[in-house]
Amino acid sequence: MSEKSKPEKSKRGFASMDEEKQREIASKGGKAAHEKGTAHEFTPEEAREAGRKGGEAVSQDREHMSEIGRKGGESSRKKSE
């Protein structure tokens, strides 16, 4: 059985824009929401809870995090040589 290759899909909308243009548009959206008063602003309690949940998720796979740290250290050493 032969494999049929699918034609490449052309990027549309945000995907077709360069990263700088995407950031510019996203920034305008955030600023508009704050000016309008509809943007969510985290309370210290909400931020604390989000940090706690993130820490729990990260600590579930210590081996994975260890590998990431090792790669980061190796990368730093290579740059300083």
Protein backbone atom coordinates (compact mmCIF):
# COMPACT_ATOMS: atom_id res chain seq x y z
CA MET A 1 0.00 0.00 0.00
CA SER A 2 1.50 3.37 -0.95
CA GLU A 3 1.39 6.38 1.31
CA LYS A 4 -0.34 9.44 -0.04
CA SER A 5 1.31 12.71 0.87
CA LYS A 6 -1.04 15.46 1.92
CA PRO A 7 -0.54 18.86 0.35
CA GLU A 8 0.95 21.49 2.66
CA LYS A 9 -1.70 23.65 4.28
CA SER A 10 -1.07 27.34 3.92
CA LYS A 11 -0.93 29.27 7.15
CA ARG A 12 -3.77 31.67 7.78
CA GLY A 13 -4.53 34.37 10.32
CA PHE A 14 -2.06 34.67 13.19
CA ALA A 15 -0.08 31.68 11.96
CA SER A 16 0.83 33.55 8.78
CA MET A 17 2.16 36.60 10.66
CA ASP A 18 5.69 37.01 11.89
CA GLU A 19 6.20 36.73 15.64
CA GLU A 20 6.74 40.47 16.15
CA LYS A 21 3.40 41.33 14.50
CA GLN A 22 1.62 38.72 16.67
CA ARG A 23 3.12 40.24 19.82
CA GLU A 24 2.11 43.73 18.75
CA ILE A 25 -1.53 42.70 18.24
CA ALA A 26 -1.67 40.67 21.46
CA SER A 27 -0.23 43.60 23.39
CA LYS A 28 -2.96 45.90 22.09
CA GLY A 29 -5.61 43.42 23.24
CA GLY A 30 -4.20 43.25 26.74
CA LYS A 31 -3.90 47.01 27.04
CA ALA A 32 -7.45 47.53 25.79
CA ALA A 33 -8.84 45.07 28.34
CA HIS A 34 -7.06 46.87 31.18
CA GLU A 35 -8.25 50.29 30.00
CA LYS A 36 -11.80 48.98 29.72
CA GLY A 37 -11.59 47.40 33.16
CA THR A 38 -12.40 43.87 31.98
CA ALA A 39 -8.93 42.37 32.41
CA HIS A 40 -8.45 39.90 35.23
CA GLU A 41 -5.93 40.96 37.85
CA PHE A 42 -4.71 38.25 40.18
CA THR A 43 -4.98 38.81 43.90
CA PRO A 44 -2.02 37.68 46.01
CA GLU A 45 -4.09 34.69 47.14
CA GLU A 46 -4.87 33.63 43.56
CA ALA A 47 -1.24 33.98 42.57
CA ARG A 48 -0.14 31.92 45.57
CA GLU A 49 -2.61 29.16 44.69
CA ALA A 50 -1.49 29.11 41.05
CA GLY A 51 2.14 28.84 42.14
CA ARG A 52 1.32 26.01 44.51
CA LYS A 53 -0.50 24.07 41.79
CA GLY A 54 2.37 24.60 39.36
CA GLY A 55 4.89 23.40 41.93
CA GLU A 56 2.84 20.28 42.57
CA ALA A 57 2.64 19.50 38.86
CA VAL A 58 6.37 19.97 38.38
CA SER A 59 7.30 17.83 41.36
CA GLN A 60 5.31 14.87 40.01
CA ASP A 61 8.07 14.00 37.52
CA ARG A 62 11.35 14.69 39.30
CA GLU A 63 13.37 12.65 36.80
CA HIS A 64 12.12 14.81 33.94
CA MET A 65 12.95 18.01 35.81
CA SER A 66 16.39 16.66 36.66
CA GLU A 67 17.03 16.01 32.97
CA ILE A 68 15.95 19.55 32.07
CA GLY A 69 18.26 21.02 34.72
CA ARG A 70 21.17 18.90 33.52
CA LYS A 71 20.68 20.05 29.91
CA GLY A 72 20.50 23.68 31.03
CA GLY A 73 23.73 23.36 32.99
CA GLU A 74 25.50 21.71 30.08
CA SER A 75 24.29 24.44 27.74
CA SER A 76 25.54 27.17 30.10
CA ARG A 77 28.97 25.57 30.33
CA LYS A 78 29.26 25.32 26.53
CA LYS A 79 28.44 29.02 26.12
CA SER A 80 31.11 30.11 28.60
CA GLU A 81 33.89 28.13 26.89
